[in-house]
Amino acid sequence: VNRRRLTAPAGEEIALTDAEFDILVVFLRNPARILTRDDLNLALKGRPWSPTDRTLDGHIARLRKKIEPDIERPT
């Protein structure tokens, strides 16, 4: 986490944007917990989520594409 790098099981580095990495860290610090958009926005920006702001959805979709072996069957 301190080096802000993500390495795949095979050893290759996965390039993440700052926002994607920050989201991943929030998930890692809250294992086995369902996080709402409010939870994520509070952790990332210090304010509740706004229904008109869909930016978080886009970041999460891109993060999933980068880390899921099979995007159609997420684990």
N, C-alpha and C. Protein backbone atom coordinates (compact mmCIF):
# COMPACT_ATOMS: atom_id res chain seq x y z
N VAL A 1 0.83 -1.19 0.00
CA VAL A 1 0.00 0.00 0.00
C VAL A 1 0.88 1.26 0.00
N ASN A 2 1.94 1.27 0.77
CA ASN A 2 2.79 2.46 0.85
C ASN A 2 3.44 2.81 -0.49
N ARG A 3 3.74 1.80 -1.30
CA ARG A 3 4.33 2.06 -2.62
C ARG A 3 3.28 2.31 -3.68
N ARG A 4 1.99 2.14 -3.31
CA ARG A 4 0.87 2.37 -4.23
C ARG A 4 1.04 1.53 -5.51
N ARG A 5 1.34 0.25 -5.32
CA ARG A 5 1.49 -0.67 -6.44
C ARG A 5 0.62 -1.89 -6.19
N LEU A 6 0.08 -2.43 -7.29
CA LEU A 6 -0.71 -3.65 -7.23
C LEU A 6 -0.05 -4.66 -8.15
N THR A 7 0.22 -5.85 -7.59
CA THR A 7 0.87 -6.90 -8.36
C THR A 7 -0.10 -8.08 -8.50
N ALA A 8 -0.24 -8.58 -9.72
CA ALA A 8 -1.10 -9.73 -9.99
C ALA A 8 -0.45 -10.99 -9.45
N PRO A 9 -1.22 -12.06 -9.27
CA PRO A 9 -0.65 -13.31 -8.77
C PRO A 9 0.52 -13.83 -9.61
N ALA A 10 0.50 -13.57 -10.92
CA ALA A 10 1.58 -14.04 -11.78
C ALA A 10 2.82 -13.15 -11.71
N GLY A 11 2.71 -12.01 -10.97
CA GLY A 11 3.87 -11.17 -10.77
C GLY A 11 3.89 -9.86 -11.54
N GLU A 12 3.01 -9.71 -12.52
CA GLU A 12 3.01 -8.47 -13.29
C GLU A 12 2.31 -7.36 -12.52
N GLU A 13 2.78 -6.14 -12.73
CA GLU A 13 2.17 -5.00 -12.08
C GLU A 13 0.91 -4.58 -12.82
N ILE A 14 -0.14 -4.24 -12.06
CA ILE A 14 -1.40 -3.78 -12.62
C ILE A 14 -1.45 -2.27 -12.43
N ALA A 15 -1.53 -1.55 -13.52
CA ALA A 15 -1.56 -0.09 -13.46
C ALA A 15 -2.94 0.37 -13.01
N LEU A 16 -2.97 1.17 -11.95
CA LEU A 16 -4.21 1.74 -11.44
C LEU A 16 -4.09 3.25 -11.37
N THR A 17 -5.20 3.92 -11.59
CA THR A 17 -5.23 5.36 -11.36
C THR A 17 -5.21 5.60 -9.85
N ASP A 18 -4.95 6.83 -9.45
CA ASP A 18 -4.98 7.15 -8.02
C ASP A 18 -6.35 6.84 -7.42
N ALA A 19 -7.41 7.19 -8.13
CA ALA A 19 -8.76 6.95 -7.62
C ALA A 19 -9.03 5.45 -7.47
N GLU A 20 -8.64 4.66 -8.47
CA GLU A 20 -8.85 3.21 -8.41
C GLU A 20 -8.08 2.62 -7.23
N PHE A 21 -6.84 3.05 -7.04
CA PHE A 21 -6.04 2.53 -5.93
C PHE A 21 -6.66 2.90 -4.59
N ASP A 22 -7.11 4.14 -4.46
CA ASP A 22 -7.73 4.58 -3.20
C ASP A 22 -8.98 3.77 -2.89
N ILE A 23 -9.78 3.47 -3.89
CA ILE A 23 -10.98 2.65 -3.70
C ILE A 23 -10.59 1.24 -3.26
N LEU A 24 -9.59 0.67 -3.91
CA LEU A 24 -9.12 -0.67 -3.55
C LEU A 24 -8.65 -0.71 -2.10
N VAL A 25 -7.95 0.32 -1.66
CA VAL A 25 -7.47 0.37 -0.28
C VAL A 25 -8.65 0.41 0.70
N VAL A 26 -9.69 1.16 0.38
CA VAL A 26 -10.87 1.18 1.26
C VAL A 26 -11.46 -0.22 1.37
N PHE A 27 -11.57 -0.93 0.25
CA PHE A 27 -12.09 -2.30 0.30
C PHE A 27 -11.18 -3.21 1.12
N LEU A 28 -9.87 -3.09 0.94
CA LEU A 28 -8.93 -3.95 1.67
C LEU A 28 -8.96 -3.68 3.17
N ARG A 29 -9.22 -2.46 3.56
CA ARG A 29 -9.27 -2.11 4.98
C ARG A 29 -10.61 -2.47 5.61
N ASN A 30 -11.55 -2.93 4.81
CA ASN A 30 -12.88 -3.32 5.30
C ASN A 30 -13.26 -4.69 4.75
N PRO A 31 -12.48 -5.72 5.05
CA PRO A 31 -12.76 -7.04 4.49
C PRO A 31 -14.09 -7.61 4.97
N ALA A 32 -14.74 -8.33 4.08
CA ALA A 32 -16.00 -9.02 4.38
C ALA A 32 -17.09 -8.07 4.85
N ARG A 33 -17.01 -6.81 4.46
CA ARG A 33 -18.02 -5.82 4.84
C ARG A 33 -18.61 -5.22 3.57
N ILE A 34 -19.91 -5.12 3.52
CA ILE A 34 -20.56 -4.46 2.39
C ILE A 34 -20.46 -2.96 2.62
N LEU A 35 -19.91 -2.27 1.63
CA LEU A 35 -19.75 -0.82 1.71
C LEU A 35 -20.73 -0.13 0.78
N THR A 36 -21.46 0.82 1.32
CA THR A 36 -22.40 1.59 0.51
C THR A 36 -21.64 2.70 -0.22
N ARG A 37 -22.34 3.35 -1.15
CA ARG A 37 -21.73 4.50 -1.81
C ARG A 37 -21.39 5.58 -0.79
N ASP A 38 -22.25 5.77 0.20
CA ASP A 38 -21.96 6.74 1.26
C ASP A 38 -20.69 6.36 2.01
N ASP A 39 -20.55 5.08 2.36
CA ASP A 39 -19.35 4.62 3.06
C ASP A 39 -18.10 4.94 2.24
N LEU A 40 -18.16 4.61 0.96
CA LEU A 40 -17.00 4.84 0.09
C LEU A 40 -16.71 6.33 -0.06
N ASN A 41 -17.72 7.11 -0.31
CA ASN A 41 -17.51 8.55 -0.49
C ASN A 41 -16.99 9.21 0.79
N LEU A 42 -17.51 8.79 1.94
CA LEU A 42 -17.02 9.33 3.20
C LEU A 42 -15.54 8.98 3.40
N ALA A 43 -15.18 7.75 3.09
CA ALA A 43 -13.79 7.32 3.25
C ALA A 43 -12.86 8.02 2.25
N LEU A 44 -13.36 8.26 1.05
CA LEU A 44 -12.51 8.84 -0.01
C LEU A 44 -12.52 10.36 -0.02
N LYS A 45 -13.67 10.95 0.20
CA LYS A 45 -13.80 12.40 0.05
C LYS A 45 -14.27 13.13 1.31
N GLY A 46 -14.65 12.36 2.33
CA GLY A 46 -15.08 12.97 3.57
C GLY A 46 -16.47 13.57 3.53
N ARG A 47 -17.26 13.17 2.55
CA ARG A 47 -18.63 13.68 2.45
C ARG A 47 -19.54 12.58 1.90
N PRO A 48 -20.84 12.68 2.17
CA PRO A 48 -21.77 11.66 1.66
C PRO A 48 -21.86 11.69 0.13
N TRP A 49 -22.31 10.59 -0.40
CA TRP A 49 -22.48 10.43 -1.84
C TRP A 49 -23.68 11.24 -2.31
N SER A 50 -23.56 11.82 -3.48
CA SER A 50 -24.66 12.55 -4.09
C SER A 50 -25.26 11.71 -5.20
N PRO A 51 -26.57 11.54 -5.24
CA PRO A 51 -27.20 10.71 -6.28
C PRO A 51 -26.89 11.18 -7.71
N THR A 52 -26.51 12.41 -7.88
CA THR A 52 -26.18 12.90 -9.23
C THR A 52 -24.74 12.62 -9.62
N ASP A 53 -23.92 12.16 -8.68
CA ASP A 53 -22.50 11.90 -8.96
C ASP A 53 -22.30 10.41 -9.22
N ARG A 54 -22.06 10.06 -10.46
CA ARG A 54 -21.85 8.65 -10.83
C ARG A 54 -20.38 8.33 -11.07
N THR A 55 -19.48 9.26 -10.69
CA THR A 55 -18.05 9.08 -10.90
C THR A 55 -17.54 7.81 -10.22
N LEU A 56 -17.98 7.57 -9.01
CA LEU A 56 -17.55 6.40 -8.25
C LEU A 56 -17.88 5.11 -9.00
N ASP A 57 -19.05 5.05 -9.61
CA ASP A 57 -19.44 3.86 -10.38
C ASP A 57 -18.45 3.58 -11.51
N GLY A 58 -18.04 4.62 -12.20
CA GLY A 58 -17.09 4.46 -13.30
C GLY A 58 -15.74 3.97 -12.81
N HIS A 59 -15.25 4.52 -11.70
CA HIS A 59 -13.97 4.08 -11.13
C HIS A 59 -14.03 2.61 -10.74
N ILE A 60 -15.13 2.21 -10.10
CA ILE A 60 -15.26 0.82 -9.67
C ILE A 60 -15.36 -0.11 -10.87
N ALA A 61 -16.08 0.29 -11.91
CA ALA A 61 -16.19 -0.55 -13.11
C ALA A 61 -14.82 -0.75 -13.74
N ARG A 62 -14.01 0.30 -13.84
CA ARG A 62 -12.67 0.17 -14.42
C ARG A 62 -11.76 -0.68 -13.53
N LEU A 63 -11.89 -0.52 -12.21
CA LEU A 63 -11.10 -1.33 -11.28
C LEU A 63 -11.45 -2.80 -11.43
N ARG A 64 -12.72 -3.13 -11.52
CA ARG A 64 -13.14 -4.52 -11.70
C ARG A 64 -12.55 -5.12 -12.97
N LYS A 65 -12.57 -4.37 -14.06
CA LYS A 65 -12.02 -4.87 -15.33
C LYS A 65 -10.53 -5.19 -15.20
N LYS A 66 -9.85 -4.45 -14.37
CA LYS A 66 -8.41 -4.64 -14.21
C LYS A 66 -8.05 -5.79 -13.28
N ILE A 67 -8.89 -6.09 -12.29
CA ILE A 67 -8.49 -7.08 -11.29
C ILE A 67 -9.27 -8.39 -11.33
N GLU A 68 -10.39 -8.42 -12.01
CA GLU A 68 -11.18 -9.66 -12.08
C GLU A 68 -10.68 -10.55 -13.21
N PRO A 69 -10.36 -11.82 -12.91
CA PRO A 69 -9.94 -12.73 -13.99
C PRO A 69 -11.04 -12.92 -15.04
N ASP A 70 -12.29 -13.00 -14.58
CA ASP A 70 -13.42 -13.17 -15.49
C ASP A 70 -14.49 -12.16 -15.07
N ILE A 71 -14.57 -11.06 -15.78
CA ILE A 71 -15.48 -9.97 -15.42
C ILE A 71 -16.95 -10.41 -15.41
N GLU A 72 -17.28 -11.43 -16.18
CA GLU A 72 -18.66 -11.94 -16.20
C GLU A 72 -18.98 -12.79 -14.97
N ARG A 73 -17.96 -13.27 -14.28
CA ARG A 73 -18.13 -14.08 -13.08
C ARG A 73 -17.20 -13.57 -11.98
N PRO A 74 -17.50 -12.39 -11.42
CA PRO A 74 -16.61 -11.82 -10.42
C PRO A 74 -16.52 -12.67 -9.16
N THR A 75 -15.35 -12.64 -8.55
CA THR A 75 -15.12 -13.41 -7.31
C THR A 75 -14.82 -12.48 -6.16
